[in-house]
Amino acid sequence: MKLQCDVEVVNRMLPSFGLKNKGRSSRAVLSIGKHVDRSSLYLLICTNKDRSGSKYKLKENIEKFFTWFVEEGKATVRLKEPAIDICLSKADISSLKNFLSAARLAHRGSDTDSVPLSALGPVRARDVEKPKKKLSVLSKKDYPLTSSFPHSLEQLQVSYCRLSRVDTRMLSLRALRRLDLSNNHIKKLPSTVGDLSCLAELILHNNHLESFGDALCSSTLQTSLQHLDLSQNRLKVLPARFCQLRQLVNLKLDDNKLVRLPFHVGRLSKLRFLSAAHNQLAVLPASFRKLCLENLDLFGNPFTQANALDHTIHLTFPLTLQELASRAVVDLRIPHGPHVVPFHLCHELDSSKACDCGRSCVNSYIRTAVGMNLHLVSHTVVLVDNMGGTEAPVQKHFCSLMCYCEFMDGCVQRDLR
């Protein structure tokens, strides 16, 4: 029975001599096995400084187990002789529980045959090294083919390795906070990337991505992802549910083939940095005006000239039953999903538009575009074109002919002033 964790051995007698413990833990390997005499079970603690280890007798020598925080990977074993407390932390929870069970059996001295024993001997240096938190692989020859990635990794960069897909071994790194797969040949992201519940930064710059999966937008990334770099890929659209990633602070979409931004991009209330330069954006979605940014870069997009008189009518008279029901679902915020309504209807509901009157419209509407100074949504704006402009067209949708006429009347009155 072996356990890898951080260990601090506290001498309970030191305070009586006016001395203090150092209060430092170190990475260690703990083993339970038989001594050379093959009679008693011992606990061997090996650290980087002492790889041969220190032995402690277990039979009838454990005064108490402290397991209040075992679900956090922490526990303390108090020995009678010597008078020490062995404080364990940063242990795998399942392994720690098994280790404590074996230690209890060894203490009782009964049924020792059921205790999984280990050889009591020196350990390898790599077994007692501190858990690796950060790893960078910057060439194909350095890519680990036979060895696994350390499970303790919090930051992983794998670039210039010509990866065509995401290695499944990376998806088991549950502590990962930053994943950089830039400068590869990745075409598709597996939905299991969304299982990395601690992931705050995902960098996919300069790959061959053609889509960003809808499943990723409904995963745990909703509550963790803050920085997303999808620049220099082959994206044409982003899913309607992309705006469920509401923790996003920094979003990079430069040098793709995007023809539009998600309808509800304005729901990204925490977004502060947005760059979507050198795409194929002709107009911005209506909710764009709800953003509150610090820096915005939309340079190099073929924006159209905004003209409120240039409109597109998708109205039916009277409104269809499906349109009326869809509007009610959106306006009343009735929960919906593929388990309730057909999948194509879910997509239409997720892509609903908001009229100036506050009501929603789904497939029946009038659409036009008006110019907006981008300084209204961002403190710093990179020029939209080479002419020094900071204005871009923003879509407006109207749920009825009456709403559109009221809007046009307002425009005429402003022009007369």
Protein backbone atom coordinates (compact mmCIF):
# COMPACT_ATOMS: atom_id res chain seq x y z
CA MET A 1 0.00 0.00 0.00
CA LYS A 2 1.51 3.29 -1.13
CA LEU A 3 0.27 6.87 -1.03
CA GLN A 4 1.73 9.96 -2.70
CA CYS A 5 0.88 13.24 -0.99
CA ASP A 6 2.31 16.19 0.92
CA VAL A 7 3.48 15.27 4.43
CA GLU A 8 4.42 17.28 7.50
CA VAL A 9 5.76 15.39 10.52
CA VAL A 10 4.97 17.39 13.68
CA ASN A 11 6.86 16.55 16.89
CA ARG A 12 4.43 17.06 19.78
CA MET A 13 7.29 17.31 22.32
CA LEU A 14 8.95 20.39 20.82
CA PRO A 15 6.68 22.99 22.50
CA SER A 16 7.63 21.61 25.93
CA PHE A 17 11.25 22.56 25.10
CA GLY A 18 10.24 26.01 23.86
CA LEU A 19 10.77 25.03 20.24
CA LYS A 20 8.50 25.34 17.21
CA ASN A 21 7.90 23.04 14.30
CA LYS A 22 9.00 24.34 10.90
CA GLY A 23 5.45 24.11 9.61
CA ARG A 24 6.47 22.99 6.13
CA SER A 25 5.16 20.05 4.22
CA SER A 26 7.06 18.22 1.52
CA ARG A 27 6.13 15.75 -1.19
CA ALA A 28 6.44 12.19 0.06
CA VAL A 29 5.65 8.56 -0.63
CA LEU A 30 4.14 6.62 2.27
CA SER A 31 4.39 2.82 2.25
CA ILE A 32 2.97 0.18 4.57
CA GLY A 33 4.93 -3.07 4.67
CA LYS A 34 6.83 -5.57 6.80
CA HIS A 35 10.25 -4.96 8.26
CA VAL A 36 13.16 -7.33 7.66
CA ASP A 37 12.11 -9.38 10.67
CA ARG A 38 8.78 -10.01 8.81
CA SER A 39 6.90 -9.76 12.11
CA SER A 40 5.45 -6.26 12.37
CA LEU A 41 4.00 -3.75 9.95
CA TYR A 42 5.75 -0.43 9.54
CA LEU A 43 5.03 2.89 7.92
CA LEU A 44 7.85 4.22 5.74
CA ILE A 45 7.88 7.94 4.80
CA CYS A 46 10.26 8.86 1.96
CA THR A 47 10.86 12.47 0.89
CA ASN A 48 13.13 14.15 -1.63
CA LYS A 49 15.64 14.93 1.14
CA ASP A 50 15.47 11.46 2.62
CA ARG A 51 14.67 8.95 -0.13
CA SER A 52 15.67 6.03 2.12
CA GLY A 53 12.89 7.14 4.44
CA SER A 54 11.97 7.00 8.11
CA LYS A 55 10.20 3.93 9.56
CA TYR A 56 7.47 3.98 12.19
CA LYS A 57 5.91 0.92 13.85
CA LEU A 58 2.14 0.71 13.38
CA LYS A 59 0.91 -2.22 15.49
CA GLU A 60 -0.85 -0.81 18.58
CA ASN A 61 1.03 2.45 18.03
CA ILE A 62 -1.65 4.75 16.54
CA GLU A 63 -3.26 6.96 19.14
CA LYS A 64 -5.85 8.59 16.87
CA PHE A 65 -6.92 9.27 13.29
CA PHE A 66 -8.11 12.78 12.38
CA THR A 67 -10.27 12.50 9.26
CA TRP A 68 -12.56 15.53 9.36
CA PHE A 69 -11.21 16.82 6.05
CA VAL A 70 -10.63 13.53 4.27
CA GLU A 71 -12.96 14.65 1.45
CA GLU A 72 -10.44 17.45 0.78
CA GLY A 73 -7.53 15.00 0.60
CA LYS A 74 -6.36 15.77 4.16
CA ALA A 75 -5.91 13.63 7.28
CA THR A 76 -3.64 13.28 10.32
CA VAL A 77 -2.28 10.11 11.94
CA ARG A 78 -1.17 10.53 15.57
CA LEU A 79 1.46 8.02 16.77
CA LYS A 80 2.11 7.12 20.39
CA GLU A 81 5.84 6.47 20.02
CA PRO A 82 7.50 8.62 18.89
CA ALA A 83 5.09 11.40 19.87
CA ILE A 84 4.47 12.77 16.40
CA ASP A 85 1.56 13.75 14.20
CA ILE A 86 1.83 12.77 10.54
CA CYS A 87 -0.18 15.41 8.65
CA LEU A 88 -1.24 14.39 5.15
CA SER A 89 -2.54 16.79 2.47
CA LYS A 90 -3.02 17.09 -1.30
CA ALA A 91 -3.74 13.39 -1.55
CA ASP A 92 -6.05 11.62 -3.94
CA ILE A 93 -9.24 11.16 -1.92
CA SER A 94 -9.86 7.53 -2.87
CA SER A 95 -6.22 6.56 -2.32
CA LEU A 96 -6.18 8.36 1.04
CA LYS A 97 -9.24 6.48 2.28
CA ASN A 98 -7.73 3.14 1.25
CA PHE A 99 -4.45 4.05 2.93
CA LEU A 100 -6.16 4.99 6.21
CA SER A 101 -8.14 1.72 6.16
CA ALA A 102 -4.89 -0.24 5.74
CA ALA A 103 -3.27 1.75 8.55
CA ARG A 104 -6.17 0.89 10.88
CA LEU A 105 -5.79 -2.82 10.13
CA ALA A 106 -2.04 -2.60 10.72
CA HIS A 107 -2.62 -0.86 14.06
CA ARG A 108 -5.00 -3.57 15.25
CA GLY A 109 -2.50 -6.23 14.24
CA SER A 110 -5.32 -8.51 13.15
CA ASP A 111 -6.01 -9.89 9.71
CA THR A 112 -2.74 -8.49 8.38
CA ASP A 113 -3.01 -10.79 5.39
CA SER A 114 -5.78 -8.52 4.07
CA VAL A 115 -3.48 -5.46 4.15
CA PRO A 116 -1.98 -4.75 0.70
CA LEU A 117 1.71 -4.51 1.52
CA SER A 118 4.54 -2.73 -0.26
CA ALA A 119 8.28 -3.24 -0.26
CA LEU A 120 9.93 -0.91 2.23
CA GLY A 121 12.80 0.58 0.31
CA PRO A 122 14.18 3.82 -1.17
CA VAL A 123 12.02 5.60 -3.74
CA ARG A 124 12.92 7.20 -7.07
CA ALA A 125 13.53 10.94 -7.19
CA ARG A 126 10.60 11.51 -9.57
CA ASP A 127 8.20 9.88 -7.10
CA VAL A 128 8.82 12.56 -4.49
CA GLU A 129 9.12 15.59 -6.73
CA LYS A 130 6.54 18.33 -6.25
CA PRO A 131 3.50 17.94 -8.52
CA LYS A 132 4.12 19.65 -11.84
CA LYS A 133 1.76 22.57 -12.37
CA LYS A 134 2.98 23.87 -15.74
CA LEU A 135 4.18 22.17 -18.92
CA SER A 136 5.07 23.52 -22.38
CA VAL A 137 5.65 21.33 -25.44
CA LEU A 138 6.79 23.46 -28.36
CA SER A 139 7.90 20.90 -30.96
CA LYS A 140 6.74 17.58 -32.30
CA LYS A 141 9.90 15.76 -31.16
CA ASP A 142 9.21 16.78 -27.54
CA TYR A 143 5.61 15.55 -27.60
CA PRO A 144 5.06 12.72 -25.04
CA LEU A 145 4.02 9.62 -26.96
CA THR A 146 4.74 6.91 -24.39
CA SER A 147 4.36 8.82 -21.11
CA SER A 148 1.21 10.51 -19.83
CA PHE A 149 0.70 14.16 -18.90
CA PRO A 150 1.10 14.83 -15.14
CA HIS A 151 -2.38 14.81 -13.58
CA SER A 152 -1.45 17.79 -11.40
CA LEU A 153 -1.06 20.14 -14.40
CA GLU A 154 -2.85 23.49 -14.17
CA GLN A 155 -1.28 25.03 -17.28
CA LEU A 156 -0.55 23.12 -20.47
CA GLN A 157 0.80 24.48 -23.74
CA VAL A 158 1.17 22.21 -26.76
CA SER A 159 2.08 24.27 -29.83
CA TYR A 160 3.80 23.66 -33.18
CA CYS A 161 3.19 19.91 -32.85
CA ARG A 162 0.95 19.52 -35.93
CA LEU A 163 -1.86 18.03 -33.88
CA SER A 164 -4.92 17.29 -36.01
CA ARG A 165 -7.10 16.54 -32.97
CA VAL A 166 -7.13 17.10 -29.22
CA ASP A 167 -5.29 14.31 -27.38
CA THR A 168 -7.75 12.52 -25.09
CA ARG A 169 -5.05 12.34 -22.40
CA MET A 170 -5.36 16.12 -22.01
CA LEU A 171 -9.07 15.78 -21.27
CA SER A 172 -8.36 13.82 -18.06
CA LEU A 173 -6.41 16.73 -16.52
CA ARG A 174 -9.14 17.86 -14.14
CA ALA A 175 -7.03 20.59 -12.49
CA LEU A 176 -6.29 22.29 -15.82
CA ARG A 177 -6.93 26.04 -15.77
CA ARG A 178 -5.12 27.08 -18.94
CA LEU A 179 -4.97 25.04 -22.16
CA ASP A 180 -2.97 26.45 -25.08
CA LEU A 181 -3.21 24.42 -28.31
CA SER A 182 -2.24 27.26 -30.64
CA ASN A 183 -0.38 26.76 -33.92
CA ASN A 184 -1.57 23.25 -34.69
CA HIS A 185 -3.87 21.67 -37.31
CA ILE A 186 -6.92 20.94 -35.13
CA LYS A 187 -10.15 20.83 -37.15
CA LYS A 188 -12.69 19.99 -34.46
CA LEU A 189 -13.00 20.29 -30.69
CA PRO A 190 -14.43 17.25 -28.85
CA SER A 191 -17.40 18.00 -26.60
CA THR A 192 -15.44 16.47 -23.68
CA VAL A 193 -13.35 19.65 -23.52
CA GLY A 194 -16.39 20.93 -21.67
CA ASP A 195 -15.68 18.44 -18.85
CA LEU A 196 -12.61 20.44 -17.80
CA SER A 197 -14.52 22.18 -15.02
CA CYS A 198 -11.63 24.43 -13.92
CA LEU A 199 -10.69 25.66 -17.40
CA ALA A 200 -10.47 29.47 -17.43
CA GLU A 201 -8.31 30.01 -20.55
CA LEU A 202 -8.63 28.18 -23.86
CA ILE A 203 -6.24 29.28 -26.62
CA LEU A 204 -6.78 27.83 -30.10
CA HIS A 205 -5.07 30.49 -32.18
CA ASN A 206 -3.94 29.45 -35.68
CA ASN A 207 -5.64 26.09 -36.16
CA HIS A 208 -8.06 24.70 -38.76
CA LEU A 209 -11.27 24.93 -36.73
CA GLU A 210 -14.43 25.12 -38.83
CA SER A 211 -16.94 25.10 -35.98
CA PHE A 212 -17.33 25.64 -32.25
CA GLY A 213 -19.59 22.90 -30.89
CA ASP A 214 -22.99 23.71 -29.42
CA ALA A 215 -22.34 21.16 -26.65
CA LEU A 216 -19.34 23.19 -25.43
CA CYS A 217 -21.64 26.17 -24.85
CA SER A 218 -23.87 24.07 -22.57
CA SER A 219 -21.01 22.49 -20.60
CA THR A 220 -19.20 23.48 -17.40
CA LEU A 221 -17.35 26.09 -19.47
CA GLN A 222 -20.39 28.30 -18.83
CA THR A 223 -19.14 28.94 -15.31
CA SER A 224 -15.36 28.75 -15.75
CA LEU A 225 -14.18 30.04 -19.16
CA GLN A 226 -12.94 33.64 -19.07
CA HIS A 227 -10.45 33.86 -21.94
CA LEU A 228 -11.11 32.32 -25.37
CA ASP A 229 -8.84 32.77 -28.39
CA LEU A 230 -10.25 31.43 -31.68
CA SER A 231 -8.29 33.75 -33.95
CA GLN A 232 -6.81 32.58 -37.26
CA ASN A 233 -9.14 29.66 -37.88
CA ARG A 234 -11.83 28.89 -40.47
CA LEU A 235 -14.97 29.75 -38.52
CA LYS A 236 -17.96 31.06 -40.50
CA VAL A 237 -20.53 31.20 -37.70
CA LEU A 238 -20.72 30.69 -33.95
CA PRO A 239 -23.63 28.74 -32.41
CA ALA A 240 -26.60 30.67 -31.02
CA ARG A 241 -25.86 29.26 -27.57
CA PHE A 242 -22.32 30.65 -27.64
CA CYS A 243 -23.62 33.48 -25.46
CA GLN A 244 -24.20 31.04 -22.60
CA LEU A 245 -20.46 31.38 -21.90
CA ARG A 246 -21.30 34.31 -19.67
CA GLN A 247 -18.04 34.39 -17.71
CA LEU A 248 -16.08 35.45 -20.81
CA VAL A 249 -13.92 38.52 -20.27
CA ASN A 250 -11.64 38.31 -23.31
CA LEU A 251 -12.76 36.98 -26.72
CA LYS A 252 -10.52 36.88 -29.80
CA LEU A 253 -12.08 36.06 -33.18
CA ASP A 254 -9.67 37.79 -35.58
CA ASP A 255 -8.81 36.40 -39.02
CA ASN A 256 -11.69 33.97 -39.46
CA LYS A 257 -14.49 33.91 -42.04
CA LEU A 258 -17.30 34.99 -39.72
CA VAL A 259 -20.31 36.39 -41.57
CA ARG A 260 -22.12 37.33 -38.35
CA LEU A 261 -21.78 37.41 -34.59
CA PRO A 262 -24.25 35.53 -32.35
CA PHE A 263 -27.66 37.27 -32.09
CA HIS A 264 -27.44 37.49 -28.29
CA VAL A 265 -23.82 38.61 -27.98
CA GLY A 266 -25.09 41.38 -25.70
CA ARG A 267 -25.73 38.77 -23.00
CA LEU A 268 -21.97 38.48 -22.43
CA SER A 269 -22.20 41.03 -19.63
CA LYS A 270 -18.67 40.40 -18.30
CA LEU A 271 -16.98 40.75 -21.71
CA ARG A 272 -14.40 43.56 -21.68
CA PHE A 273 -12.09 42.78 -24.62
CA LEU A 274 -13.47 41.81 -28.03
CA SER A 275 -11.49 41.55 -31.28
CA ALA A 276 -13.07 40.30 -34.50
CA ALA A 277 -10.88 42.02 -37.06
CA HIS A 278 -10.49 40.72 -40.63
CA ASN A 279 -13.69 38.72 -40.90
CA GLN A 280 -16.68 38.99 -43.26
CA LEU A 281 -19.02 40.92 -40.95
CA ALA A 282 -21.45 43.14 -42.87
CA VAL A 283 -23.58 44.20 -39.89
CA LEU A 284 -23.59 43.78 -36.11
CA PRO A 285 -26.45 42.11 -34.19
CA ALA A 286 -28.97 44.32 -32.41
CA SER A 287 -27.87 43.17 -28.93
CA PHE A 288 -24.34 44.44 -29.63
CA ARG A 289 -25.36 47.81 -28.20
CA LYS A 290 -25.79 46.17 -24.76
CA LEU A 291 -22.06 45.40 -24.44
CA CYS A 292 -19.81 47.35 -22.07
CA LEU A 293 -16.25 46.92 -23.33
CA GLU A 294 -12.84 48.35 -22.56
CA ASN A 295 -11.31 47.53 -25.95
CA LEU A 296 -12.96 46.73 -29.30
CA ASP A 297 -11.30 45.86 -32.62
CA LEU A 298 -13.45 45.31 -35.72
CA PHE A 299 -10.97 46.55 -38.32
CA GLY A 300 -11.01 45.08 -41.80
CA ASN A 301 -14.66 43.93 -42.01
CA PRO A 302 -16.80 44.75 -45.10
CA PHE A 303 -19.47 46.67 -43.18
CA THR A 304 -22.41 47.89 -45.28
CA GLN A 305 -23.64 51.47 -45.30
CA ALA A 306 -26.46 51.75 -42.77
CA ASN A 307 -29.77 52.98 -44.21
CA ALA A 308 -32.99 52.66 -42.25
CA LEU A 309 -35.00 52.88 -45.49
CA ASP A 310 -33.24 49.79 -46.80
CA HIS A 311 -35.25 47.09 -45.09
CA THR A 312 -36.13 43.43 -45.45
CA ILE A 313 -39.67 42.25 -44.72
CA HIS A 314 -40.31 38.75 -43.41
CA LEU A 315 -43.83 39.35 -42.14
CA THR A 316 -46.84 37.13 -42.72
CA PHE A 317 -50.41 38.29 -42.17
CA PRO A 318 -51.85 36.94 -40.04
CA LEU A 319 -49.00 35.55 -37.95
CA THR A 320 -48.73 31.76 -38.02
CA LEU A 321 -49.66 29.74 -34.96
CA GLN A 322 -46.02 28.60 -34.71
CA GLU A 323 -44.79 32.21 -34.71
CA LEU A 324 -47.31 33.24 -32.04
CA ALA A 325 -46.37 30.27 -29.85
CA SER A 326 -42.64 30.86 -30.36
CA ARG A 327 -42.95 34.51 -29.39
CA ALA A 328 -44.87 33.53 -26.26
CA VAL A 329 -42.17 31.01 -25.27
CA VAL A 330 -39.45 33.67 -25.61
CA ASP A 331 -41.38 36.57 -24.02
CA LEU A 332 -42.54 34.46 -21.07
CA ARG A 333 -39.11 32.83 -20.73
CA ILE A 334 -40.58 29.35 -20.79
CA PRO A 335 -37.78 26.75 -20.49
CA HIS A 336 -37.29 24.70 -23.65
CA GLY A 337 -34.90 22.12 -25.06
CA PRO A 338 -34.65 19.18 -27.47
CA HIS A 339 -36.39 17.00 -24.90
CA VAL A 340 -39.50 19.23 -25.13
CA VAL A 341 -39.64 20.62 -28.70
CA PRO A 342 -37.97 19.53 -31.97
CA PHE A 343 -34.31 20.46 -32.31
CA HIS A 344 -34.85 22.84 -35.26
CA LEU A 345 -37.38 24.80 -33.18
CA CYS A 346 -34.83 25.08 -30.37
CA HIS A 347 -32.42 26.68 -32.82
CA GLU A 348 -35.08 29.16 -33.96
CA LEU A 349 -35.97 30.07 -30.37
CA ASP A 350 -32.31 30.57 -29.48
CA SER A 351 -32.01 32.91 -32.50
CA SER A 352 -35.02 35.07 -31.60
CA LYS A 353 -34.83 38.83 -32.12
CA ALA A 354 -35.97 41.67 -29.87
CA CYS A 355 -38.16 44.44 -31.23
CA ASP A 356 -37.88 48.10 -30.15
CA CYS A 357 -41.18 47.67 -28.31
CA GLY A 358 -39.63 45.01 -26.07
CA ARG A 359 -41.46 42.03 -27.55
CA SER A 360 -39.75 39.18 -29.40
CA CYS A 361 -40.00 37.97 -32.97
CA VAL A 362 -38.70 34.68 -34.35
CA ASN A 363 -39.33 34.06 -38.07
CA SER A 364 -41.70 36.95 -38.81
CA TYR A 365 -40.16 40.43 -38.66
CA ILE A 366 -38.93 43.52 -40.49
CA ARG A 367 -35.16 44.00 -40.48
CA THR A 368 -33.10 47.09 -41.14
CA ALA A 369 -29.77 48.57 -39.98
CA VAL A 370 -28.76 51.85 -38.36
CA GLY A 371 -25.32 53.34 -37.79
CA MET A 372 -23.84 53.29 -34.29
CA ASN A 373 -20.71 54.95 -32.95
CA LEU A 374 -18.75 52.10 -31.36
CA HIS A 375 -17.57 54.40 -28.57
CA LEU A 376 -21.05 53.91 -27.11
CA VAL A 377 -20.10 50.34 -26.18
CA SER A 378 -16.32 50.52 -25.74
CA HIS A 379 -13.87 52.87 -24.05
CA THR A 380 -11.17 52.18 -26.68
CA VAL A 381 -12.05 51.46 -30.32
CA VAL A 382 -9.65 50.42 -33.06
CA LEU A 383 -10.61 52.22 -36.28
CA VAL A 384 -13.15 50.31 -38.36
CA ASP A 385 -11.53 51.31 -41.68
CA ASN A 386 -8.61 53.20 -43.16
CA MET A 387 -10.70 56.39 -43.25
CA GLY A 388 -10.61 56.78 -39.49
CA GLY A 389 -14.21 55.73 -38.89
CA THR A 390 -15.56 54.33 -35.64
CA GLU A 391 -19.13 53.75 -36.80
CA ALA A 392 -20.63 50.41 -37.80
CA PRO A 393 -24.12 49.25 -38.84
CA VAL A 394 -26.24 47.52 -36.21
CA GLN A 395 -29.30 45.47 -37.03
CA LYS A 396 -32.74 46.40 -35.79
CA HIS A 397 -35.76 44.11 -35.89
CA PHE A 398 -39.45 45.00 -35.66
CA CYS A 399 -42.18 42.57 -34.71
CA SER A 400 -44.87 44.40 -36.69
CA LEU A 401 -45.44 47.02 -39.38
CA MET A 402 -46.68 49.42 -36.69
CA CYS A 403 -43.39 49.24 -34.76
CA TYR A 404 -41.42 49.86 -37.95
CA CYS A 405 -43.57 52.86 -38.92
CA GLU A 406 -43.18 54.38 -35.45
CA PHE A 407 -39.41 53.99 -35.73
CA MET A 408 -39.37 55.64 -39.19
CA ASP A 409 -41.54 58.52 -37.93
CA GLY A 410 -39.00 59.10 -35.16
CA CYS A 411 -36.14 59.13 -37.70
CA VAL A 412 -37.97 61.69 -39.90
CA GLN A 413 -38.67 63.94 -36.91
CA ARG A 414 -35.00 63.85 -35.87
CA ASP A 415 -33.93 64.77 -39.40
CA LEU A 416 -36.35 67.72 -39.46
CA ARG A 417 -34.79 69.11 -36.32
